[in-house]
Every structure is written in structure tokens, then in C-alpha cells.
Amino acid sequence: MASKSITHADIRRMFGSIDDHRALEILGLNPSREELEVTMAYLADMSDVMGEERQPLTGCAADIYDIVTRDETFEFDEVGRI
């Protein structure tokens, strides 16, 4: 079964007030939901998700991380979004 495509609304739900340009850059990567979730976990520093030793992000998740963190410092709000 093919996975559902990620939408602009999905990215806004996960990353909060990310600007439209960055959301479109992320959509251009054609990420999977798992890649978005890995990036969110990395941003939240959820070491249990990353394992004993925090491994560097690779592939699409690394690209998403670079887009989200470019030029800004992000903090998570009360619902876990940045």
C-alpha cells in the first residue's frame, strides 16, 4: 500500500509556525511521515528515539533539519511543535 503524500498542512501541524517558503522546500524533498517524525525527534533532542548514542541525521531527515533550523533558533511550544 502506498503511503499518503505529505501536505503543506501536515508540515504546519508538525513544525508549527514554519514559513511557507520553508514548508514548500520540505515538500520538494517528498519526505515520508517517518522522515518528518525523525527530524522532529532530533529537534526535540529525544535521545530515546535516537538510541544510546545520538547518531547524526542523514538523507532527507538531515535536509529537513537544515531547512527548519536555517537562520533561526527554534524552541518547542507547549504542544511540542517548534
PDB file of N, CA and C in Angstrom:
ATOM      1  N   MET A   1       0.843  -1.173   0.000  1.00  0.00           N
ATOM      2  CA  MET A   1       0.000   0.000   0.000  1.00  0.00           C
ATOM      3  C   MET A   1       0.894   1.245   0.000  1.00  0.00           C
ATOM      4  N   ALA A   2       0.617   2.176  -0.878  1.00  0.00           N
ATOM      5  CA  ALA A   2       1.385   3.415  -0.962  1.00  0.00           C
ATOM      6  C   ALA A   2       1.035   4.324   0.208  1.00  0.00           C
ATOM      7  N   SER A   3       2.049   5.014   0.717  1.00  0.00           N
ATOM      8  CA  SER A   3       1.793   5.913   1.839  1.00  0.00           C
ATOM      9  C   SER A   3       1.189   7.221   1.330  1.00  0.00           C
ATOM     10  N   LYS A   4       0.412   7.847   2.194  1.00  0.00           N
ATOM     11  CA  LYS A   4      -0.236   9.108   1.866  1.00  0.00           C
ATOM     12  C   LYS A   4       0.820  10.203   1.715  1.00  0.00           C
ATOM     13  N   SER A   5       0.669  11.027   0.701  1.00  0.00           N
ATOM     14  CA  SER A   5       1.605  12.129   0.487  1.00  0.00           C
ATOM     15  C   SER A   5       1.511  13.145   1.611  1.00  0.00           C
ATOM     16  N   ILE A   6       2.647  13.717   1.939  1.00  0.00           N
ATOM     17  CA  ILE A   6       2.712  14.764   2.953  1.00  0.00           C
ATOM     18  C   ILE A   6       2.183  16.052   2.333  1.00  0.00           C
ATOM     19  N   THR A   7       1.403  16.802   3.096  1.00  0.00           N
ATOM     20  CA  THR A   7       0.836  18.058   2.609  1.00  0.00           C
ATOM     21  C   THR A   7       1.433  19.246   3.366  1.00  0.00           C
ATOM     22  N   HIS A   8       1.181  20.422   2.830  1.00  0.00           N
ATOM     23  CA  HIS A   8       1.594  21.660   3.490  1.00  0.00           C
ATOM     24  C   HIS A   8       0.998  21.714   4.898  1.00  0.00           C
ATOM     25  N   ALA A   9      -0.267  21.320   5.032  1.00  0.00           N
ATOM     26  CA  ALA A   9      -0.939  21.322   6.342  1.00  0.00           C
ATOM     27  C   ALA A   9      -0.263  20.360   7.312  1.00  0.00           C
ATOM     28  N   ASP A  10       0.209  19.211   6.837  1.00  0.00           N
ATOM     29  CA  ASP A  10       0.921  18.260   7.698  1.00  0.00           C
ATOM     30  C   ASP A  10       2.188  18.899   8.259  1.00  0.00           C
ATOM     31  N   ILE A  11       2.902  19.593   7.398  1.00  0.00           N
ATOM     32  CA  ILE A  11       4.156  20.229   7.825  1.00  0.00           C
ATOM     33  C   ILE A  11       3.860  21.324   8.844  1.00  0.00           C
ATOM     34  N   ARG A  12       2.825  22.120   8.601  1.00  0.00           N
ATOM     35  CA  ARG A  12       2.452  23.183   9.555  1.00  0.00           C
ATOM     36  C   ARG A  12       2.034  22.583  10.890  1.00  0.00           C
ATOM     37  N   ARG A  13       1.315  21.453  10.851  1.00  0.00           N
ATOM     38  CA  ARG A  13       0.900  20.793  12.087  1.00  0.00           C
ATOM     39  C   ARG A  13       2.107  20.306  12.883  1.00  0.00           C
ATOM     40  N   MET A  14       3.087  19.771  12.189  1.00  0.00           N
ATOM     41  CA  MET A  14       4.249  19.206  12.866  1.00  0.00           C
ATOM     42  C   MET A  14       5.252  20.264  13.309  1.00  0.00           C
ATOM     43  N   PHE A  15       5.479  21.266  12.460  1.00  0.00           N
ATOM     44  CA  PHE A  15       6.529  22.244  12.733  1.00  0.00           C
ATOM     45  C   PHE A  15       5.996  23.596  13.178  1.00  0.00           C
ATOM     46  N   GLY A  16       4.706  23.707  13.387  1.00  0.00           N
ATOM     47  CA  GLY A  16       4.137  24.949  13.900  1.00  0.00           C
ATOM     48  C   GLY A  16       4.204  26.079  12.913  1.00  0.00           C
ATOM     49  N   SER A  17       4.745  27.185  13.338  1.00  0.00           N
ATOM     50  CA  SER A  17       4.701  28.409  12.538  1.00  0.00           C
ATOM     51  C   SER A  17       5.857  28.525  11.544  1.00  0.00           C
ATOM     52  N   ILE A  18       6.170  27.438  10.886  1.00  0.00           N
ATOM     53  CA  ILE A  18       7.201  27.470   9.846  1.00  0.00           C
ATOM     54  C   ILE A  18       6.674  28.307   8.675  1.00  0.00           C
ATOM     55  N   ASP A  19       7.546  29.105   8.074  1.00  0.00           N
ATOM     56  CA  ASP A  19       7.057  29.948   6.976  1.00  0.00           C
ATOM     57  C   ASP A  19       6.794  29.108   5.729  1.00  0.00           C
ATOM     58  N   ASP A  20       5.965  29.661   4.850  1.00  0.00           N
ATOM     59  CA  ASP A  20       5.524  28.930   3.661  1.00  0.00           C
ATOM     60  C   ASP A  20       6.683  28.519   2.759  1.00  0.00           C
ATOM     61  N   HIS A  21       7.687  29.387   2.627  1.00  0.00           N
ATOM     62  CA  HIS A  21       8.820  29.068   1.759  1.00  0.00           C
ATOM     63  C   HIS A  21       9.532  27.801   2.248  1.00  0.00           C
ATOM     64  N   ARG A  22       9.754  27.708   3.541  1.00  0.00           N
ATOM     65  CA  ARG A  22      10.429  26.518   4.084  1.00  0.00           C
ATOM     66  C   ARG A  22       9.546  25.282   3.962  1.00  0.00           C
ATOM     67  N   ALA A  23       8.248  25.448   4.192  1.00  0.00           N
ATOM     68  CA  ALA A  23       7.327  24.323   4.045  1.00  0.00           C
ATOM     69  C   ALA A  23       7.372  23.793   2.607  1.00  0.00           C
ATOM     70  N   LEU A  24       7.419  24.701   1.637  1.00  0.00           N
ATOM     71  CA  LEU A  24       7.491  24.284   0.237  1.00  0.00           C
ATOM     72  C   LEU A  24       8.821  23.603  -0.080  1.00  0.00           C
ATOM     73  N   GLU A  25       9.908  24.073   0.536  1.00  0.00           N
ATOM     74  CA  GLU A  25      11.199  23.408   0.355  1.00  0.00           C
ATOM     75  C   GLU A  25      11.132  21.974   0.872  1.00  0.00           C
ATOM     76  N   ILE A  26      10.522  21.802   2.027  1.00  0.00           N
ATOM     77  CA  ILE A  26      10.383  20.462   2.606  1.00  0.00           C
ATOM     78  C   ILE A  26       9.518  19.591   1.705  1.00  0.00           C
ATOM     79  N   LEU A  27       8.402  20.123   1.233  1.00  0.00           N
ATOM     80  CA  LEU A  27       7.542  19.364   0.319  1.00  0.00           C
ATOM     81  C   LEU A  27       8.301  18.943  -0.933  1.00  0.00           C
ATOM     82  N   GLY A  28       9.208  19.801  -1.400  1.00  0.00           N
ATOM     83  CA  GLY A  28      10.009  19.491  -2.585  1.00  0.00           C
ATOM     84  C   GLY A  28      10.918  18.292  -2.389  1.00  0.00           C
ATOM     85  N   LEU A  29      11.208  17.952  -1.143  1.00  0.00           N
ATOM     86  CA  LEU A  29      12.035  16.784  -0.844  1.00  0.00           C
ATOM     87  C   LEU A  29      11.232  15.486  -0.920  1.00  0.00           C
ATOM     88  N   ASN A  30       9.891  15.617  -0.977  1.00  0.00           N
ATOM     89  CA  ASN A  30       8.990  14.462  -0.987  1.00  0.00           C
ATOM     90  C   ASN A  30       9.265  13.546   0.213  1.00  0.00           C
ATOM     91  N   PRO A  31       9.230  14.102   1.438  1.00  0.00           N
ATOM     92  CA  PRO A  31       9.572  13.311   2.618  1.00  0.00           C
ATOM     93  C   PRO A  31       8.462  12.336   2.997  1.00  0.00           C
ATOM     94  N   SER A  32       8.863  11.306   3.705  1.00  0.00           N
ATOM     95  CA  SER A  32       7.883  10.396   4.293  1.00  0.00           C
ATOM     96  C   SER A  32       7.501  10.938   5.667  1.00  0.00           C
ATOM     97  N   ARG A  33       6.392  10.457   6.189  1.00  0.00           N
ATOM     98  CA  ARG A  33       5.983  10.855   7.539  1.00  0.00           C
ATOM     99  C   ARG A  33       7.067  10.456   8.546  1.00  0.00           C
ATOM    100  N   GLU A  34       7.678   9.295   8.351  1.00  0.00           N
ATOM    101  CA  GLU A  34       8.737   8.834   9.251  1.00  0.00           C
ATOM    102  C   GLU A  34       9.922   9.804   9.244  1.00  0.00           C
ATOM    103  N   GLU A  35      10.308  10.291   8.076  1.00  0.00           N
ATOM    104  CA  GLU A  35      11.431  11.235   7.999  1.00  0.00           C
ATOM    105  C   GLU A  35      11.100  12.532   8.738  1.00  0.00           C
ATOM    106  N   LEU A  36       9.855  12.988   8.625  1.00  0.00           N
ATOM    107  CA  LEU A  36       9.444  14.179   9.378  1.00  0.00           C
ATOM    108  C   LEU A  36       9.475  13.914  10.877  1.00  0.00           C
ATOM    109  N   GLU A  37       9.008  12.739  11.290  1.00  0.00           N
ATOM    110  CA  GLU A  37       8.990  12.405  12.713  1.00  0.00           C
ATOM    111  C   GLU A  37      10.394  12.253  13.279  1.00  0.00           C
ATOM    112  N   VAL A  38      11.312  11.679  12.515  1.00  0.00           N
ATOM    113  CA  VAL A  38      12.699  11.561  12.956  1.00  0.00           C
ATOM    114  C   VAL A  38      13.306  12.950  13.143  1.00  0.00           C
ATOM    115  N   THR A  39      13.022  13.838  12.207  1.00  0.00           N
ATOM    116  CA  THR A  39      13.525  15.203  12.320  1.00  0.00           C
ATOM    117  C   THR A  39      12.953  15.888  13.551  1.00  0.00           C
ATOM    118  N   MET A  40      11.655  15.726  13.796  1.00  0.00           N
ATOM    119  CA  MET A  40      11.031  16.319  14.986  1.00  0.00           C
ATOM    120  C   MET A  40      11.665  15.776  16.258  1.00  0.00           C
ATOM    121  N   ALA A  41      11.908  14.477  16.311  1.00  0.00           N
ATOM    122  CA  ALA A  41      12.529  13.869  17.479  1.00  0.00           C
ATOM    123  C   ALA A  41      13.933  14.429  17.688  1.00  0.00           C
ATOM    124  N   TYR A  42      14.656  14.593  16.608  1.00  0.00           N
ATOM    125  CA  TYR A  42      16.015  15.138  16.686  1.00  0.00           C
ATOM    126  C   TYR A  42      15.984  16.574  17.189  1.00  0.00           C
ATOM    127  N   LEU A  43      15.039  17.364  16.680  1.00  0.00           N
ATOM    128  CA  LEU A  43      14.895  18.745  17.124  1.00  0.00           C
ATOM    129  C   LEU A  43      14.521  18.821  18.608  1.00  0.00           C
ATOM    130  N   ALA A  44      13.741  17.853  19.065  1.00  0.00           N
ATOM    131  CA  ALA A  44      13.312  17.822  20.459  1.00  0.00           C
ATOM    132  C   ALA A  44      14.366  17.179  21.355  1.00  0.00           C
ATOM    133  N   ASP A  45      15.450  16.655  20.735  1.00  0.00           N
ATOM    134  CA  ASP A  45      16.527  16.003  21.464  1.00  0.00           C
ATOM    135  C   ASP A  45      16.008  14.805  22.250  1.00  0.00           C
ATOM    136  N   MET A  46      15.157  14.038  21.606  1.00  0.00           N
ATOM    137  CA  MET A  46      14.584  12.852  22.237  1.00  0.00           C
ATOM    138  C   MET A  46      15.579  11.712  22.091  1.00  0.00           C
ATOM    139  N   SER A  47      16.509  11.612  23.032  1.00  0.00           N
ATOM    140  CA  SER A  47      17.591  10.652  22.915  1.00  0.00           C
ATOM    141  C   SER A  47      17.097   9.207  22.908  1.00  0.00           C
ATOM    142  N   ASP A  48      15.937   8.928  23.501  1.00  0.00           N
ATOM    143  CA  ASP A  48      15.439   7.561  23.470  1.00  0.00           C
ATOM    144  C   ASP A  48      15.082   7.151  22.041  1.00  0.00           C
ATOM    145  N   VAL A  49      14.684   8.089  21.213  1.00  0.00           N
ATOM    146  CA  VAL A  49      14.381   7.793  19.823  1.00  0.00           C
ATOM    147  C   VAL A  49      15.679   7.616  19.037  1.00  0.00           C
ATOM    148  N   MET A  50      16.685   8.379  19.396  1.00  0.00           N
ATOM    149  CA  MET A  50      17.954   8.343  18.678  1.00  0.00           C
ATOM    150  C   MET A  50      18.846   7.185  19.126  1.00  0.00           C
ATOM    151  N   GLY A  51      18.521   6.549  20.236  1.00  0.00           N
ATOM    152  CA  GLY A  51      19.326   5.444  20.726  1.00  0.00           C
ATOM    153  C   GLY A  51      20.352   5.897  21.747  1.00  0.00           C
ATOM    154  N   GLU A  52      21.175   4.950  22.190  1.00  0.00           N
ATOM    155  CA  GLU A  52      22.185   5.235  23.211  1.00  0.00           C
ATOM    156  C   GLU A  52      23.087   6.397  22.807  1.00  0.00           C
ATOM    157  N   GLU A  53      23.594   6.335  21.605  1.00  0.00           N
ATOM    158  CA  GLU A  53      24.453   7.404  21.110  1.00  0.00           C
ATOM    159  C   GLU A  53      23.683   8.151  20.026  1.00  0.00           C
ATOM    160  N   ARG A  54      23.610   9.440  20.199  1.00  0.00           N
ATOM    161  CA  ARG A  54      22.872  10.231  19.209  1.00  0.00           C
ATOM    162  C   ARG A  54      23.620  10.189  17.886  1.00  0.00           C
ATOM    163  N   GLN A  55      22.994   9.571  16.908  1.00  0.00           N
ATOM    164  CA  GLN A  55      23.589   9.453  15.583  1.00  0.00           C
ATOM    165  C   GLN A  55      23.221  10.677  14.758  1.00  0.00           C
ATOM    166  N   PRO A  56      24.088  11.110  13.884  1.00  0.00           N
ATOM    167  CA  PRO A  56      23.750  12.255  13.031  1.00  0.00           C
ATOM    168  C   PRO A  56      22.629  11.892  12.065  1.00  0.00           C
ATOM    169  N   LEU A  57      21.836  12.870  11.742  1.00  0.00           N
ATOM    170  CA  LEU A  57      20.782  12.677  10.747  1.00  0.00           C
ATOM    171  C   LEU A  57      21.413  12.494   9.375  1.00  0.00           C
ATOM    172  N   THR A  58      20.747  11.726   8.544  1.00  0.00           N
ATOM    173  CA  THR A  58      21.226  11.519   7.178  1.00  0.00           C
ATOM    174  C   THR A  58      20.055  11.661   6.214  1.00  0.00           C
ATOM    175  N   GLY A  59      20.363  11.782   4.958  1.00  0.00           N
ATOM    176  CA  GLY A  59      19.359  11.789   3.909  1.00  0.00           C
ATOM    177  C   GLY A  59      18.342  12.907   4.028  1.00  0.00           C
ATOM    178  N   CYS A  60      17.103  12.563   3.758  1.00  0.00           N
ATOM    179  CA  CYS A  60      16.022  13.541   3.731  1.00  0.00           C
ATOM    180  C   CYS A  60      15.803  14.177   5.106  1.00  0.00           C
ATOM    181  N   ALA A  61      15.912  13.391   6.175  1.00  0.00           N
ATOM    182  CA  ALA A  61      15.725  13.945   7.524  1.00  0.00           C
ATOM    183  C   ALA A  61      16.762  15.030   7.805  1.00  0.00           C
ATOM    184  N   ALA A  62      17.996  14.833   7.366  1.00  0.00           N
ATOM    185  CA  ALA A  62      19.044  15.848   7.546  1.00  0.00           C
ATOM    186  C   ALA A  62      18.723  17.099   6.738  1.00  0.00           C
ATOM    187  N   ASP A  63      18.205  16.908   5.539  1.00  0.00           N
ATOM    188  CA  ASP A  63      17.835  18.054   4.701  1.00  0.00           C
ATOM    189  C   ASP A  63      16.693  18.837   5.337  1.00  0.00           C
ATOM    190  N   ILE A  64      15.700  18.133   5.883  1.00  0.00           N
ATOM    191  CA  ILE A  64      14.586  18.796   6.564  1.00  0.00           C
ATOM    192  C   ILE A  64      15.102  19.588   7.759  1.00  0.00           C
ATOM    193  N   TYR A  65      15.981  18.979   8.542  1.00  0.00           N
ATOM    194  CA  TYR A  65      16.564  19.647   9.704  1.00  0.00           C
ATOM    195  C   TYR A  65      17.274  20.932   9.286  1.00  0.00           C
ATOM    196  N   ASP A  66      18.044  20.866   8.223  1.00  0.00           N
ATOM    197  CA  ASP A  66      18.761  22.056   7.732  1.00  0.00           C
ATOM    198  C   ASP A  66      17.797  23.166   7.327  1.00  0.00           C
ATOM    199  N   ILE A  67      16.711  22.791   6.669  1.00  0.00           N
ATOM    200  CA  ILE A  67      15.722  23.790   6.246  1.00  0.00           C
ATOM    201  C   ILE A  67      15.054  24.430   7.458  1.00  0.00           C
ATOM    202  N   VAL A  68      14.633  23.604   8.401  1.00  0.00           N
ATOM    203  CA  VAL A  68      13.894  24.102   9.567  1.00  0.00           C
ATOM    204  C   VAL A  68      14.762  24.986  10.450  1.00  0.00           C
ATOM    205  N   THR A  69      16.024  24.648  10.594  1.00  0.00           N
ATOM    206  CA  THR A  69      16.884  25.389  11.525  1.00  0.00           C
ATOM    207  C   THR A  69      17.688  26.503  10.877  1.00  0.00           C
ATOM    208  N   ARG A  70      17.584  26.643   9.589  1.00  0.00           N
ATOM    209  CA  ARG A  70      18.356  27.672   8.883  1.00  0.00           C
ATOM    210  C   ARG A  70      18.013  29.061   9.423  1.00  0.00           C
ATOM    211  N   ASP A  71      19.031  29.825   9.791  1.00  0.00           N
ATOM    212  CA  ASP A  71      18.913  31.235  10.167  1.00  0.00           C
ATOM    213  C   ASP A  71      18.110  31.516  11.431  1.00  0.00           C
ATOM    214  N   GLU A  72      17.674  30.524  12.148  1.00  0.00           N
ATOM    215  CA  GLU A  72      16.860  30.775  13.331  1.00  0.00           C
ATOM    216  C   GLU A  72      17.152  29.756  14.421  1.00  0.00           C
ATOM    217  N   THR A  73      16.865  30.139  15.647  1.00  0.00           N
ATOM    218  CA  THR A  73      16.885  29.221  16.765  1.00  0.00           C
ATOM    219  C   THR A  73      15.437  28.910  17.110  1.00  0.00           C
ATOM    220  N   PHE A  74      15.113  27.637  17.167  1.00  0.00           N
ATOM    221  CA  PHE A  74      13.740  27.231  17.427  1.00  0.00           C
ATOM    222  C   PHE A  74      13.597  26.698  18.840  1.00  0.00           C
ATOM    223  N   GLU A  75      12.427  26.930  19.415  1.00  0.00           N
ATOM    224  CA  GLU A  75      12.079  26.365  20.700  1.00  0.00           C
ATOM    225  C   GLU A  75      10.723  25.720  20.558  1.00  0.00           C
ATOM    226  N   PHE A  76      10.522  24.629  21.274  1.00  0.00           N
ATOM    227  CA  PHE A  76       9.243  23.941  21.214  1.00  0.00           C
ATOM    228  C   PHE A  76       8.227  24.660  22.065  1.00  0.00           C
ATOM    229  N   ASP A  77       6.989  24.744  21.554  1.00  0.00           N
ATOM    230  CA  ASP A  77       5.906  25.346  22.320  1.00  0.00           C
ATOM    231  C   ASP A  77       5.267  24.277  23.207  1.00  0.00           C
ATOM    232  N   GLU A  78       4.168  24.629  23.862  1.00  0.00           N
ATOM    233  CA  GLU A  78       3.555  23.734  24.836  1.00  0.00           C
ATOM    234  C   GLU A  78       2.994  22.440  24.248  1.00  0.00           C
ATOM    235  N   VAL A  79       2.786  22.366  22.955  1.00  0.00           N
ATOM    236  CA  VAL A  79       2.282  21.140  22.350  1.00  0.00           C
ATOM    237  C   VAL A  79       3.379  20.369  21.619  1.00  0.00           C
ATOM    238  N   GLY A  80       4.615  20.780  21.766  1.00  0.00           N
ATOM    239  CA  GLY A  80       5.729  20.047  21.201  1.00  0.00           C
ATOM    240  C   GLY A  80       6.186  20.499  19.851  1.00  0.00           C
ATOM    241  N   ARG A  81       5.497  21.463  19.262  1.00  0.00           N
ATOM    242  CA  ARG A  81       5.928  21.975  17.965  1.00  0.00           C
ATOM    243  C   ARG A  81       6.955  23.078  18.194  1.00  0.00           C
ATOM    244  N   ILE A  82       7.683  23.379  17.144  1.00  0.00           N
ATOM    245  CA  ILE A  82       8.621  24.487  17.230  1.00  0.00           C
ATOM    246  C   ILE A  82       7.955  25.762  16.834  1.00  0.00           C
TER     247      ILE A  82
END
